[in-house]
């Protein structure tokens, strides 16, 4: 079974280069009864074929934390 975009269900091409956008969410859970320590769990949110599909999938409240790390790397 091949990979598909979570938003539009388009299949990723086999044996060809393609762009892949991934969504991952951080879940912070208390590690002790007092709540002074937390565990960080990274949860997979799916793969997307384009930035547009990723943006369409996210709610407007979720988009506040969306960053383009590719352009940040070029500015450093």
C-alpha atoms as a PDB file:
ATOM      1  CA  UNK A   1       0.000   0.000   0.000  1.00  0.00           C
ATOM      2  CA  UNK A   2       1.379   3.383  -0.993  1.00  0.00           C
ATOM      3  CA  UNK A   3       1.214   6.610   0.958  1.00  0.00           C
ATOM      4  CA  UNK A   4      -1.654   9.021   0.386  1.00  0.00           C
ATOM      5  CA  UNK A   5      -2.278  12.660   1.270  1.00  0.00           C
ATOM      6  CA  UNK A   6      -4.489  12.920   4.348  1.00  0.00           C
ATOM      7  CA  UNK A   7      -6.452  15.854   2.882  1.00  0.00           C
ATOM      8  CA  UNK A   8      -7.026  15.058  -0.814  1.00  0.00           C
ATOM      9  CA  UNK A   9      -6.145  11.311  -0.811  1.00  0.00           C
ATOM     10  CA  UNK A  10      -3.768  11.755  -3.774  1.00  0.00           C
ATOM     11  CA  UNK A  11      -1.155   8.981  -3.959  1.00  0.00           C
ATOM     12  CA  UNK A  12       2.516   9.845  -3.797  1.00  0.00           C
ATOM     13  CA  UNK A  13       4.380   8.841  -6.988  1.00  0.00           C
ATOM     14  CA  UNK A  14       6.476   5.688  -6.897  1.00  0.00           C
ATOM     15  CA  UNK A  15      10.131   5.804  -7.985  1.00  0.00           C
ATOM     16  CA  UNK A  16       9.958   9.586  -8.465  1.00  0.00           C
ATOM     17  CA  UNK A  17      11.016  12.468  -6.225  1.00  0.00           C
ATOM     18  CA  UNK A  18       8.185  14.294  -4.446  1.00  0.00           C
ATOM     19  CA  UNK A  19       7.642  16.838  -1.682  1.00  0.00           C
ATOM     20  CA  UNK A  20       6.258  15.495   1.558  1.00  0.00           C
ATOM     21  CA  UNK A  21       4.714  17.626   4.289  1.00  0.00           C
ATOM     22  CA  UNK A  22       4.236  16.033   7.714  1.00  0.00           C
ATOM     23  CA  UNK A  23       2.136  17.152  10.642  1.00  0.00           C
ATOM     24  CA  UNK A  24       3.310  16.289  14.141  1.00  0.00           C
ATOM     25  CA  UNK A  25       1.763  17.442  17.385  1.00  0.00           C
ATOM     26  CA  UNK A  26       3.278  17.741  20.844  1.00  0.00           C
ATOM     27  CA  UNK A  27       1.185  16.397  23.719  1.00  0.00           C
ATOM     28  CA  UNK A  28       2.363  17.425  27.184  1.00  0.00           C
ATOM     29  CA  UNK A  29       1.199  15.096  29.944  1.00  0.00           C
ATOM     30  CA  UNK A  30       1.900  15.437  33.683  1.00  0.00           C
ATOM     31  CA  UNK A  31       4.598  13.014  34.823  1.00  0.00           C
ATOM     32  CA  UNK A  32       3.943  13.340  38.547  1.00  0.00           C
ATOM     33  CA  UNK A  33       0.955  13.873  40.817  1.00  0.00           C
ATOM     34  CA  UNK A  34       1.872  17.498  41.610  1.00  0.00           C
ATOM     35  CA  UNK A  35       2.168  18.461  37.953  1.00  0.00           C
ATOM     36  CA  UNK A  36       5.699  19.828  38.324  1.00  0.00           C
ATOM     37  CA  UNK A  37       7.174  17.563  35.642  1.00  0.00           C
ATOM     38  CA  UNK A  38       5.795  16.837  32.170  1.00  0.00           C
ATOM     39  CA  UNK A  39       6.332  14.220  29.481  1.00  0.00           C
ATOM     40  CA  UNK A  40       6.406  15.377  25.880  1.00  0.00           C
ATOM     41  CA  UNK A  41       4.886  12.916  23.408  1.00  0.00           C
ATOM     42  CA  UNK A  42       5.211  13.540  19.671  1.00  0.00           C
ATOM     43  CA  UNK A  43       2.085  12.340  17.835  1.00  0.00           C
ATOM     44  CA  UNK A  44       2.007  11.766  14.084  1.00  0.00           C
ATOM     45  CA  UNK A  45      -0.735  13.811  12.424  1.00  0.00           C
ATOM     46  CA  UNK A  46      -0.411  12.554   8.855  1.00  0.00           C
ATOM     47  CA  UNK A  47       1.341  13.281   5.567  1.00  0.00           C
ATOM     48  CA  UNK A  48       0.275  15.800   2.944  1.00  0.00           C
ATOM     49  CA  UNK A  49       1.152  16.279  -0.742  1.00  0.00           C
ATOM     50  CA  UNK A  50       1.359  20.083  -0.635  1.00  0.00           C
ATOM     51  CA  UNK A  51       1.462  23.029   1.698  1.00  0.00           C
ATOM     52  CA  UNK A  52      -2.043  23.950   0.495  1.00  0.00           C
ATOM     53  CA  UNK A  53      -3.448  20.562   1.569  1.00  0.00           C
ATOM     54  CA  UNK A  54      -1.778  20.922   4.954  1.00  0.00           C
ATOM     55  CA  UNK A  55      -3.199  24.439   5.390  1.00  0.00           C
ATOM     56  CA  UNK A  56      -6.663  23.294   4.299  1.00  0.00           C
ATOM     57  CA  UNK A  57      -6.552  20.401   6.777  1.00  0.00           C
ATOM     58  CA  UNK A  58      -5.667  22.599   9.746  1.00  0.00           C
ATOM     59  CA  UNK A  59      -8.277  24.668  11.531  1.00  0.00           C
ATOM     60  CA  UNK A  60      -7.618  28.395  11.738  1.00  0.00           C
ATOM     61  CA  UNK A  61      -6.694  28.073  15.443  1.00  0.00           C
ATOM     62  CA  UNK A  62      -4.103  25.404  14.593  1.00  0.00           C
ATOM     63  CA  UNK A  63      -2.362  27.570  11.971  1.00  0.00           C
ATOM     64  CA  UNK A  64      -0.878  29.922  14.581  1.00  0.00           C
ATOM     65  CA  UNK A  65       1.977  27.473  15.240  1.00  0.00           C
ATOM     66  CA  UNK A  66       2.690  26.645  11.591  1.00  0.00           C
ATOM     67  CA  UNK A  67       6.268  27.518  10.628  1.00  0.00           C
ATOM     68  CA  UNK A  68       8.240  27.139   7.449  1.00  0.00           C
ATOM     69  CA  UNK A  69      11.508  25.688   8.714  1.00  0.00           C
ATOM     70  CA  UNK A  70      12.936  25.483   5.188  1.00  0.00           C
ATOM     71  CA  UNK A  71      13.155  29.265   4.818  1.00  0.00           C
ATOM     72  CA  UNK A  72      14.410  29.686   8.376  1.00  0.00           C
ATOM     73  CA  UNK A  73      17.371  27.470   7.572  1.00  0.00           C
ATOM     74  CA  UNK A  74      18.302  29.685   4.626  1.00  0.00           C
ATOM     75  CA  UNK A  75      18.247  32.853   6.745  1.00  0.00           C
ATOM     76  CA  UNK A  76      20.695  31.572   9.381  1.00  0.00           C
END
